[in-house]
PDB file of N, CA and C in Angstrom:
ATOM      1  N   MET A   1     148.699 119.893  74.857  1.00  0.00           N
ATOM      2  CA  MET A   1     147.705 118.863  74.996  1.00  0.00           C
ATOM      3  C   MET A   1     148.332 117.482  74.835  1.00  0.00           C
ATOM      4  N   GLU A   2     149.321 117.380  73.954  1.00  0.00           N
ATOM      5  CA  GLU A   2     149.965 116.094  73.746  1.00  0.00           C
ATOM      6  C   GLU A   2     150.701 115.652  74.996  1.00  0.00           C
ATOM      7  N   GLU A   3     151.261 116.600  75.718  1.00  0.00           N
ATOM      8  CA  GLU A   3     151.970 116.274  76.947  1.00  0.00           C
ATOM      9  C   GLU A   3     151.012 115.690  77.976  1.00  0.00           C
ATOM     10  N   LYS A   4     149.800 116.214  78.051  1.00  0.00           N
ATOM     11  CA  LYS A   4     148.812 115.716  78.993  1.00  0.00           C
ATOM     12  C   LYS A   4     148.391 114.296  78.622  1.00  0.00           C
ATOM     13  N   LYS A   5     148.251 114.030  77.339  1.00  0.00           N
ATOM     14  CA  LYS A   5     147.880 112.689  76.898  1.00  0.00           C
ATOM     15  C   LYS A   5     148.967 111.687  77.250  1.00  0.00           C
ATOM     16  N   VAL A   6     150.170 112.080  77.062  1.00  0.00           N
ATOM     17  CA  VAL A   6     151.288 111.192  77.357  1.00  0.00           C
ATOM     18  C   VAL A   6     151.341 110.918  78.853  1.00  0.00           C
ATOM     19  N   THR A   7     151.159 111.945  79.624  1.00  0.00           N
ATOM     20  CA  THR A   7     151.226 111.754  81.073  1.00  0.00           C
ATOM     21  C   THR A   7     150.072 110.882  81.557  1.00  0.00           C
ATOM     22  N   LYS A   8     148.916 110.996  80.956  1.00  0.00           N
ATOM     23  CA  LYS A   8     147.779 110.154  81.344  1.00  0.00           C
ATOM     24  C   LYS A   8     148.058 108.695  81.007  1.00  0.00           C
ATOM     25  N   LYS A   9     148.655 108.468  79.847  1.00  0.00           N
ATOM     26  CA  LYS A   9     148.997 107.106  79.461  1.00  0.00           C
ATOM     27  C   LYS A   9     150.036 106.532  80.408  1.00  0.00           C
ATOM     28  N   GLU A  10     151.009 107.335  80.760  1.00  0.00           N
ATOM     29  CA  GLU A  10     152.041 106.880  81.683  1.00  0.00           C
ATOM     30  C   GLU A  10     151.443 106.564  83.047  1.00  0.00           C
ATOM     31  N   GLU A  11     150.487 107.384  83.493  1.00  0.00           N
ATOM     32  CA  GLU A  11     149.848 107.156  84.787  1.00  0.00           C
ATOM     33  C   GLU A  11     149.068 105.848  84.780  1.00  0.00           C
ATOM     34  N   THR A  12     148.346 105.591  83.692  1.00  0.00           N
ATOM     35  CA  THR A  12     147.578 104.346  83.635  1.00  0.00           C
ATOM     36  C   THR A  12     148.510 103.144  83.602  1.00  0.00           C
ATOM     37  N   LYS A  13     149.642 103.273  82.956  1.00  0.00           N
ATOM     38  CA  LYS A  13     150.615 102.173  82.943  1.00  0.00           C
ATOM     39  C   LYS A  13     151.159 101.927  84.345  1.00  0.00           C
ATOM     40  N   ARG A  14     151.388 102.982  85.074  1.00  0.00           N
ATOM     41  CA  ARG A  14     151.901 102.845  86.427  1.00  0.00           C
ATOM     42  C   ARG A  14     150.855 102.220  87.349  1.00  0.00           C
ATOM     43  N   GLU A  15     149.581 102.585  87.139  1.00  0.00           N
ATOM     44  CA  GLU A  15     148.495 102.086  87.987  1.00  0.00           C
ATOM     45  C   GLU A  15     148.197 100.612  87.749  1.00  0.00           C
ATOM     46  N   VAL A  16     148.445 100.155  86.528  1.00  0.00           N
ATOM     47  CA  VAL A  16     148.167  98.766  86.208  1.00  0.00           C
ATOM     48  C   VAL A  16     149.213  97.895  86.873  1.00  0.00           C
ATOM     49  N   LYS A  17     148.745  97.054  87.780  1.00  0.00           N
ATOM     50  CA  LYS A  17     149.659  96.107  88.396  1.00  0.00           C
ATOM     51  C   LYS A  17     148.894  94.823  88.620  1.00  0.00           C
ATOM     52  N   LYS A  18     149.592  93.752  88.578  1.00  0.00           N
ATOM     53  CA  LYS A  18     148.952  92.465  88.779  1.00  0.00           C
ATOM     54  C   LYS A  18     148.763  92.241  90.268  1.00  0.00           C
ATOM     55  N   LEU A  19     147.595  91.674  90.594  1.00  0.00           N
ATOM     56  CA  LEU A  19     147.300  91.382  91.986  1.00  0.00           C
ATOM     57  C   LEU A  19     147.917  90.048  92.370  1.00  0.00           C
ATOM     58  N   SER A  20     148.328  89.977  93.594  1.00  0.00           N
ATOM     59  CA  SER A  20     148.877  88.716  94.081  1.00  0.00           C
ATOM     60  C   SER A  20     147.724  87.754  94.364  1.00  0.00           C
ATOM     61  N   TYR A  21     148.082  86.510  94.603  1.00  0.00           N
ATOM     62  CA  TYR A  21     147.080  85.489  94.889  1.00  0.00           C
ATOM     63  C   TYR A  21     146.275  85.862  96.132  1.00  0.00           C
ATOM     64  N   GLU A  22     146.939  86.353  97.150  1.00  0.00           N
ATOM     65  CA  GLU A  22     146.265  86.732  98.391  1.00  0.00           C
ATOM     66  C   GLU A  22     145.304  87.889  98.164  1.00  0.00           C
ATOM     67  N   GLU A  23     145.717  88.848  97.361  1.00  0.00           N
ATOM     68  CA  GLU A  23     144.851  89.993  97.067  1.00  0.00           C
ATOM     69  C   GLU A  23     143.618  89.545  96.284  1.00  0.00           C
ATOM     70  N   LEU A  24     143.826  88.647  95.335  1.00  0.00           N
ATOM     71  CA  LEU A  24     142.685  88.118  94.583  1.00  0.00           C
ATOM     72  C   LEU A  24     141.752  87.330  95.487  1.00  0.00           C
ATOM     73  N   GLU A  25     142.353  86.548  96.385  1.00  0.00           N
ATOM     74  CA  GLU A  25     141.554  85.751  97.313  1.00  0.00           C
ATOM     75  C   GLU A  25     140.736  86.669  98.227  1.00  0.00           C
ATOM     76  N   ASN A  26     141.344  87.726  98.726  1.00  0.00           N
ATOM     77  CA  ASN A  26     140.632  88.689  99.569  1.00  0.00           C
ATOM     78  C   ASN A  26     139.504  89.375  98.798  1.00  0.00           C
ATOM     79  N   ALA A  27     139.778  89.740  97.570  1.00  0.00           N
ATOM     80  CA  ALA A  27     138.751  90.374  96.740  1.00  0.00           C
ATOM     81  C   ALA A  27     137.584  89.418  96.511  1.00  0.00           C
ATOM     82  N   ALA A  28     137.891  88.162  96.250  1.00  0.00           N
ATOM     83  CA  ALA A  28     136.839  87.161  96.038  1.00  0.00           C
ATOM     84  C   ALA A  28     136.007  86.971  97.297  1.00  0.00           C
ATOM     85  N   LYS A  29     136.672  86.959  98.462  1.00  0.00           N
ATOM     86  CA  LYS A  29     135.942  86.824  99.730  1.00  0.00           C
ATOM     87  C   LYS A  29     135.033  88.021  99.968  1.00  0.00           C
ATOM     88  N   GLN A  30     135.526  89.198  99.665  1.00  0.00           N
ATOM     89  CA  GLN A  30     134.707  90.404  99.830  1.00  0.00           C
ATOM     90  C   GLN A  30     133.495  90.381  98.913  1.00  0.00           C
ATOM     91  N   ILE A  31     133.716  89.973  97.680  1.00  0.00           N
ATOM     92  CA  ILE A  31     132.611  89.909  96.721  1.00  0.00           C
ATOM     93  C   ILE A  31     131.596  88.860  97.158  1.00  0.00           C
ATOM     94  N   THR A  32     132.075  87.727  97.666  1.00  0.00           N
ATOM     95  CA  THR A  32     131.181  86.680  98.150  1.00  0.00           C
ATOM     96  C   THR A  32     130.362  87.179  99.333  1.00  0.00           C
ATOM     97  N   ALA A  33     131.000  87.879 100.251  1.00  0.00           N
ATOM     98  CA  ALA A  33     130.298  88.422 101.416  1.00  0.00           C
ATOM     99  C   ALA A  33     129.249  89.441 100.982  1.00  0.00           C
ATOM    100  N   GLN A  34     129.613  90.277 100.023  1.00  0.00           N
ATOM    101  CA  GLN A  34     128.661  91.256  99.511  1.00  0.00           C
ATOM    102  C   GLN A  34     127.477  90.563  98.843  1.00  0.00           C
ATOM    103  N   ALA A  35     127.735  89.520  98.090  1.00  0.00           N
ATOM    104  CA  ALA A  35     126.667  88.783  97.412  1.00  0.00           C
ATOM    105  C   ALA A  35     125.745  88.136  98.433  1.00  0.00           C
ATOM    106  N   GLN A  36     126.318  87.595  99.512  1.00  0.00           N
ATOM    107  CA  GLN A  36     125.492  86.991 100.550  1.00  0.00           C
ATOM    108  C   GLN A  36     124.635  88.037 101.245  1.00  0.00           C
ATOM    109  N   ASN A  37     125.214  89.205 101.501  1.00  0.00           N
ATOM    110  CA  ASN A  37     124.450  90.289 102.123  1.00  0.00           C
ATOM    111  C   ASN A  37     123.317  90.760 101.215  1.00  0.00           C
ATOM    112  N   VAL A  38     123.604  90.875  99.944  1.00  0.00           N
ATOM    113  CA  VAL A  38     122.581  91.302  98.989  1.00  0.00           C
ATOM    114  C   VAL A  38     121.481  90.250  98.889  1.00  0.00           C
ATOM    115  N   ALA A  39     121.856  88.972  98.889  1.00  0.00           N
ATOM    116  CA  ALA A  39     120.857  87.911  98.829  1.00  0.00           C
ATOM    117  C   ALA A  39     119.985  87.911 100.077  1.00  0.00           C
ATOM    118  N   LYS A  40     120.589  88.145 101.234  1.00  0.00           N
ATOM    119  CA  LYS A  40     119.824  88.202 102.483  1.00  0.00           C
ATOM    120  C   LYS A  40     118.869  89.389 102.471  1.00  0.00           C
ATOM    121  N   GLU A  41     119.353  90.531 102.026  1.00  0.00           N
ATOM    122  CA  GLU A  41     118.506  91.721 101.942  1.00  0.00           C
ATOM    123  C   GLU A  41     117.377  91.503 100.940  1.00  0.00           C
ATOM    124  N   ASN A  42     117.690  90.842  99.835  1.00  0.00           N
ATOM    125  CA  ASN A  42     116.678  90.531  98.824  1.00  0.00           C
ATOM    126  C   ASN A  42     115.578  89.659  99.428  1.00  0.00           C
ATOM    127  N   GLN A  43     115.964  88.650 100.201  1.00  0.00           N
ATOM    128  CA  GLN A  43     114.993  87.769 100.828  1.00  0.00           C
ATOM    129  C   GLN A  43     114.125  88.548 101.824  1.00  0.00           C
ATOM    130  N   GLN A  44     114.743  89.433 102.600  1.00  0.00           N
ATOM    131  CA  GLN A  44     113.976  90.244 103.544  1.00  0.00           C
ATOM    132  C   GLN A  44     112.989  91.152 102.822  1.00  0.00           C
ATOM    133  N   LEU A  45     113.416  91.716 101.706  1.00  0.00           N
ATOM    134  CA  LEU A  45     112.527  92.581 100.932  1.00  0.00           C
ATOM    135  C   LEU A  45     111.387  91.786 100.306  1.00  0.00           C
ATOM    136  N   ARG A  46     111.675  90.558  99.886  1.00  0.00           N
ATOM    137  CA  ARG A  46     110.611  89.707  99.339  1.00  0.00           C
ATOM    138  C   ARG A  46     109.558  89.401 100.394  1.00  0.00           C
ATOM    139  N   VAL A  47     110.004  89.114 101.621  1.00  0.00           N
ATOM    140  CA  VAL A  47     109.069  88.833 102.708  1.00  0.00           C
ATOM    141  C   VAL A  47     108.236  90.077 103.010  1.00  0.00           C
ATOM    142  N   ALA A  48     108.879  91.237 103.071  1.00  0.00           N
ATOM    143  CA  ALA A  48     108.163  92.487 103.333  1.00  0.00           C
ATOM    144  C   ALA A  48     107.154  92.775 102.228  1.00  0.00           C
ATOM    145  N   LEU A  49     107.535  92.530 100.987  1.00  0.00           N
ATOM    146  CA  LEU A  49     106.623  92.740  99.865  1.00  0.00           C
ATOM    147  C   LEU A  49     105.437  91.795  99.940  1.00  0.00           C
ATOM    148  N   GLN A  50     105.702  90.552 100.290  1.00  0.00           N
ATOM    149  CA  GLN A  50     104.627  89.569 100.405  1.00  0.00           C
ATOM    150  C   GLN A  50     103.651  89.972 101.514  1.00  0.00           C
ATOM    151  N   GLN A  51     104.175  90.446 102.640  1.00  0.00           N
ATOM    152  CA  GLN A  51     103.317  90.887 103.732  1.00  0.00           C
ATOM    153  C   GLN A  51     102.491  92.107 103.319  1.00  0.00           C
ATOM    154  N   ALA A  52     103.109  93.034 102.623  1.00  0.00           N
ATOM    155  CA  ALA A  52     102.396  94.224 102.169  1.00  0.00           C
ATOM    156  C   ALA A  52     101.312  93.849 101.154  1.00  0.00           C
ATOM    157  N   SER A  53     101.618  92.915 100.270  1.00  0.00           N
ATOM    158  CA  SER A  53     100.631  92.474  99.283  1.00  0.00           C
ATOM    159  C   SER A  53      99.439  91.807  99.958  1.00  0.00           C
ATOM    160  N   LEU A  54      99.720  91.000 100.967  1.00  0.00           N
ATOM    161  CA  LEU A  54      98.651  90.331 101.698  1.00  0.00           C
ATOM    162  C   LEU A  54      97.784  91.351 102.424  1.00  0.00           C
ATOM    163  N   SER A  55      98.422  92.326 103.040  1.00  0.00           N
ATOM    164  CA  SER A  55      97.685  93.381 103.733  1.00  0.00           C
ATOM    165  C   SER A  55      96.809  94.168 102.753  1.00  0.00           C
ATOM    166  N   ASN A  56      97.363  94.473 101.590  1.00  0.00           N
ATOM    167  CA  ASN A  56      96.598  95.191 100.569  1.00  0.00           C
ATOM    168  C   ASN A  56      95.411  94.372 100.079  1.00  0.00           C
ATOM    169  N   MET A  57      95.612  93.060  99.948  1.00  0.00           N
ATOM    170  CA  MET A  57      94.523  92.202  99.494  1.00  0.00           C
ATOM    171  C   MET A  57      93.373  92.219 100.495  1.00  0.00           C
ATOM    172  N   TYR A  58      93.696  92.134 101.792  1.00  0.00           N
ATOM    173  CA  TYR A  58      92.646  92.157 102.810  1.00  0.00           C
ATOM    174  C   TYR A  58      91.927  93.498 102.844  1.00  0.00           C
ATOM    175  N   THR A  59      92.674  94.571 102.685  1.00  0.00           N
ATOM    176  CA  THR A  59      92.058  95.894 102.647  1.00  0.00           C
ATOM    177  C   THR A  59      91.117  96.011 101.452  1.00  0.00           C
ATOM    178  N   GLU A  60      91.575  95.542 100.304  1.00  0.00           N
ATOM    179  CA  GLU A  60      90.741  95.574  99.098  1.00  0.00           C
ATOM    180  C   GLU A  60      89.489  94.729  99.284  1.00  0.00           C
ATOM    181  N   LEU A  61      89.634  93.573  99.900  1.00  0.00           N
ATOM    182  CA  LEU A  61      88.495  92.697 100.143  1.00  0.00           C
ATOM    183  C   LEU A  61      87.488  93.380 101.068  1.00  0.00           C
ATOM    184  N   ASN A  62      87.974  94.062 102.100  1.00  0.00           N
ATOM    185  CA  ASN A  62      87.075  94.793 103.000  1.00  0.00           C
ATOM    186  C   ASN A  62      86.288  95.862 102.246  1.00  0.00           C
ATOM    187  N   PHE A  63      86.954  96.575 101.342  1.00  0.00           N
ATOM    188  CA  PHE A  63      86.261  97.591 100.559  1.00  0.00           C
ATOM    189  C   PHE A  63      85.204  96.967  99.646  1.00  0.00           C
ATOM    190  N   LYS A  64      85.502  95.827  99.099  1.00  0.00           N
ATOM    191  CA  LYS A  64      84.524  95.163  98.227  1.00  0.00           C
ATOM    192  C   LYS A  64      83.301  94.724  99.010  1.00  0.00           C
ATOM    193  N   PHE A  65      83.504  94.261 100.244  1.00  0.00           N
ATOM    194  CA  PHE A  65      82.361  93.919 101.084  1.00  0.00           C
ATOM    195  C   PHE A  65      81.552  95.161 101.453  1.00  0.00           C
ATOM    196  N   LYS A  66      82.238  96.282 101.638  1.00  0.00           N
ATOM    197  CA  LYS A  66      81.519  97.540 101.890  1.00  0.00           C
ATOM    198  C   LYS A  66      80.674  97.932 100.677  1.00  0.00           C
ATOM    199  N   VAL A  67      81.204  97.671  99.495  1.00  0.00           N
ATOM    200  CA  VAL A  67      80.430  97.951  98.277  1.00  0.00           C
ATOM    201  C   VAL A  67      79.154  97.114  98.293  1.00  0.00           C
ATOM    202  N   LEU A  68      79.258  95.851  98.683  1.00  0.00           N
ATOM    203  CA  LEU A  68      78.068  94.999  98.756  1.00  0.00           C
ATOM    204  C   LEU A  68      77.109  95.491  99.831  1.00  0.00           C
ATOM    205  N   GLU A  69      77.668  95.965 100.934  1.00  0.00           N
ATOM    206  CA  GLU A  69      76.835  96.472 102.024  1.00  0.00           C
ATOM    207  C   GLU A  69      76.029  97.686 101.585  1.00  0.00           C
ATOM    208  N   PHE A  70      76.647  98.530 100.776  1.00  0.00           N
ATOM    209  CA  PHE A  70      75.971  99.727 100.283  1.00  0.00           C
ATOM    210  C   PHE A  70      75.761  99.633  98.772  1.00  0.00           C
ATOM    211  N   ALA A  71      75.257  98.506  98.330  1.00  0.00           N
ATOM    212  CA  ALA A  71      75.099  98.223  96.899  1.00  0.00           C
ATOM    213  C   ALA A  71      74.188  99.227  96.207  1.00  0.00           C
ATOM    214  N   SER A  72      73.247  99.787  96.933  1.00  0.00           N
ATOM    215  CA  SER A  72      72.318 100.738  96.308  1.00  0.00           C
ATOM    216  C   SER A  72      73.024 102.008  95.848  1.00  0.00           C
ATOM    217  N   ALA A  73      74.199 102.291  96.366  1.00  0.00           N
ATOM    218  CA  ALA A  73      74.932 103.499  95.994  1.00  0.00           C
ATOM    219  C   ALA A  73      75.789 103.298  94.752  1.00  0.00           C
ATOM    220  N   PHE A  74      75.858 102.060  94.261  1.00  0.00           N
ATOM    221  CA  PHE A  74      76.721 101.756  93.123  1.00  0.00           C
ATOM    222  C   PHE A  74      75.904 101.179  91.975  1.00  0.00           C
ATOM    223  N   THR A  75      76.512 101.177  90.796  1.00  0.00           N
ATOM    224  CA  THR A  75      75.830 100.606  89.636  1.00  0.00           C
ATOM    225  C   THR A  75      75.796  99.085  89.771  1.00  0.00           C
ATOM    226  N   PRO A  76      74.781  98.454  89.209  1.00  0.00           N
ATOM    227  CA  PRO A  76      74.703  96.988  89.293  1.00  0.00           C
ATOM    228  C   PRO A  76      75.911  96.291  88.656  1.00  0.00           C
ATOM    229  N   GLU A  77      76.469  96.867  87.597  1.00  0.00           N
ATOM    230  CA  GLU A  77      77.637  96.269  86.951  1.00  0.00           C
ATOM    231  C   GLU A  77      78.844  96.258  87.889  1.00  0.00           C
ATOM    232  N   PHE A  78      79.009  97.365  88.598  1.00  0.00           N
ATOM    233  CA  PHE A  78      80.139  97.461  89.524  1.00  0.00           C
ATOM    234  C   PHE A  78      79.970  96.478  90.682  1.00  0.00           C
ATOM    235  N   VAL A  79      78.765  96.372  91.185  1.00  0.00           N
ATOM    236  CA  VAL A  79      78.488  95.430  92.276  1.00  0.00           C
ATOM    237  C   VAL A  79      78.747  94.007  91.795  1.00  0.00           C
ATOM    238  N   ASP A  80      78.321  93.689  90.570  1.00  0.00           N
ATOM    239  CA  ASP A  80      78.556  92.349  90.023  1.00  0.00           C
ATOM    240  C   ASP A  80      80.056  92.064  89.901  1.00  0.00           C
ATOM    241  N   ARG A  81      80.822  93.050  89.457  1.00  0.00           N
ATOM    242  CA  ARG A  81      82.274  92.860  89.363  1.00  0.00           C
ATOM    243  C   ARG A  81      82.887  92.622  90.738  1.00  0.00           C
ATOM    244  N   CYS A  82      82.394  93.342  91.741  1.00  0.00           N
ATOM    245  CA  CYS A  82      82.906  93.143  93.104  1.00  0.00           C
ATOM    246  C   CYS A  82      82.559  91.744  93.612  1.00  0.00           C
ATOM    247  N   VAL A  83      81.344  91.286  93.327  1.00  0.00           N
ATOM    248  CA  VAL A  83      80.937  89.945  93.758  1.00  0.00           C
ATOM    249  C   VAL A  83      81.828  88.900  93.094  1.00  0.00           C
ATOM    250  N   LYS A  84      82.048  89.037  91.799  1.00  0.00           N
ATOM    251  CA  LYS A  84      82.900  88.080  91.088  1.00  0.00           C
ATOM    252  C   LYS A  84      84.327  88.109  91.628  1.00  0.00           C
ATOM    253  N   SER A  85      84.821  89.303  91.911  1.00  0.00           N
ATOM    254  CA  SER A  85      86.178  89.432  92.434  1.00  0.00           C
ATOM    255  C   SER A  85      86.291  88.799  93.823  1.00  0.00           C
ATOM    256  N   ILE A  86      85.276  88.994  94.658  1.00  0.00           N
ATOM    257  CA  ILE A  86      85.277  88.374  95.987  1.00  0.00           C
ATOM    258  C   ILE A  86      85.252  86.861  95.856  1.00  0.00           C
ATOM    259  N   GLU A  87      84.422  86.365  94.960  1.00  0.00           N
ATOM    260  CA  GLU A  87      84.346  84.913  94.758  1.00  0.00           C
ATOM    261  C   GLU A  87      85.687  84.352  94.299  1.00  0.00           C
ATOM    262  N   GLU A  88      86.342  85.045  93.377  1.00  0.00           N
ATOM    263  CA  GLU A  88      87.647  84.589  92.888  1.00  0.00           C
ATOM    264  C   GLU A  88      88.697  84.612  93.999  1.00  0.00           C
ATOM    265  N   THR A  89      88.640  85.656  94.824  1.00  0.00           N
ATOM    266  CA  THR A  89      89.619  85.789  95.901  1.00  0.00           C
ATOM    267  C   THR A  89      89.428  84.710  96.960  1.00  0.00           C
ATOM    268  N   MET A  90      88.180  84.399  97.262  1.00  0.00           N
ATOM    269  CA  MET A  90      87.896  83.470  98.353  1.00  0.00           C
ATOM    270  C   MET A  90      87.844  82.013  97.921  1.00  0.00           C
ATOM    271  N   THR A  91      87.852  81.766  96.636  1.00  0.00           N
ATOM    272  CA  THR A  91      87.844  80.397  96.145  1.00  0.00           C
ATOM    273  C   THR A  91      89.286  79.910  96.026  1.00  0.00           C
ATOM    274  N   PRO A  92      89.616  78.817  96.713  1.00  0.00           N
ATOM    275  CA  PRO A  92      90.989  78.321  96.610  1.00  0.00           C
ATOM    276  C   PRO A  92      91.268  77.783  95.208  1.00  0.00           C
ATOM    277  N   PRO A  93      92.495  77.887  94.762  1.00  0.00           N
ATOM    278  CA  PRO A  93      92.830  77.355  93.434  1.00  0.00           C
ATOM    279  C   PRO A  93      92.655  75.837  93.434  1.00  0.00           C
ATOM    280  N   PRO A  94      92.263  75.288  92.309  1.00  0.00           N
ATOM    281  CA  PRO A  94      92.087  73.833  92.263  1.00  0.00           C
ATOM    282  C   PRO A  94      93.419  73.127  92.462  1.00  0.00           C
ATOM    283  N   GLU A  95      93.390  72.064  93.244  1.00  0.00           N
ATOM    284  CA  GLU A  95      94.601  71.300  93.487  1.00  0.00           C
ATOM    285  C   GLU A  95      94.908  70.441  92.281  1.00  0.00           C
ATOM    286  N   GLU A  96      96.167  70.473  91.895  1.00  0.00           N
ATOM    287  CA  GLU A  96      96.574  69.651  90.757  1.00  0.00           C
ATOM    288  C   GLU A  96      96.832  68.246  91.263  1.00  0.00           C
ATOM    289  N   LYS A  97      96.272  67.293  90.577  1.00  0.00           N
ATOM    290  CA  LYS A  97      96.470  65.910  90.970  1.00  0.00           C
ATOM    291  C   LYS A  97      97.699  65.373  90.252  1.00  0.00           C
ATOM    292  N   GLU A  98      98.719  65.084  91.025  1.00  0.00           N
ATOM    293  CA  GLU A  98      99.962  64.582  90.447  1.00  0.00           C
ATOM    294  C   GLU A  98      99.800  63.151  89.958  1.00  0.00           C
ATOM    295  N   GLU A  99      98.863  62.442  90.569  1.00  0.00           N
ATOM    296  CA  GLU A  99      98.657  61.050  90.186  1.00  0.00           C
ATOM    297  C   GLU A  99      98.184  60.942  88.742  1.00  0.00           C
ATOM    298  N   GLU A 100      97.322  61.873  88.327  1.00  0.00           N
ATOM    299  CA  GLU A 100      96.816  61.840  86.960  1.00  0.00           C
ATOM    300  C   GLU A 100      97.881  62.233  85.945  1.00  0.00           C
ATOM    301  N   GLU A 101      98.722  63.189  86.323  1.00  0.00           N
ATOM    302  CA  GLU A 101      99.730  63.687  85.404  1.00  0.00           C
ATOM    303  C   GLU A 101     100.912  62.725  85.277  1.00  0.00           C
ATOM    304  N   ALA A 102     101.246  62.040  86.343  1.00  0.00           N
ATOM    305  CA  ALA A 102     102.393  61.140  86.328  1.00  0.00           C
ATOM    306  C   ALA A 102     102.018  59.836  85.632  1.00  0.00           C
ATOM    307  N   PRO A 103     102.882  59.328  84.759  1.00  0.00           N
ATOM    308  CA  PRO A 103     102.587  58.050  84.088  1.00  0.00           C
ATOM    309  C   PRO A 103     102.698  56.899  85.088  1.00  0.00           C
ATOM    310  N   ASN A 104     101.898  55.885  84.844  1.00  0.00           N
ATOM    311  CA  ASN A 104     101.912  54.720  85.722  1.00  0.00           C
ATOM    312  C   ASN A 104     103.210  53.944  85.516  1.00  0.00           C
ATOM    313  N   LYS A 105     103.807  53.527  86.622  1.00  0.00           N
ATOM    314  CA  LYS A 105     105.052  52.765  86.564  1.00  0.00           C
ATOM    315  C   LYS A 105     104.737  51.313  86.871  1.00  0.00           C
ATOM    316  N   GLU A 106     104.265  50.599  85.916  1.00  0.00           N
ATOM    317  CA  GLU A 106     103.927  49.183  86.119  1.00  0.00           C
ATOM    318  C   GLU A 106     104.823  48.304  85.310  1.00  0.00           C
TER     319      GLU A 106
END
């Protein structure tokens, strides 16, 4: 067993070598290219997720309107929750006024 340990240590010593400047530069370029590809793929996945979320929101909204259409089949509490949810979905968020938040420069 000791012979195997020694040979493994010798092998790792042989494998360890310093990279030249060109090899390091090539490795850095490869890593940069990989990072750019990953960033591009990440952006594409974000767009796909956003589209899927939007599609899901519209589908959910359609179901909520169906609940209102057939309100007699549901409990009044559930119908009220659907109405509130529809109102929240269809009401645009209030616009923040930057003029009020920014200090006057006089």
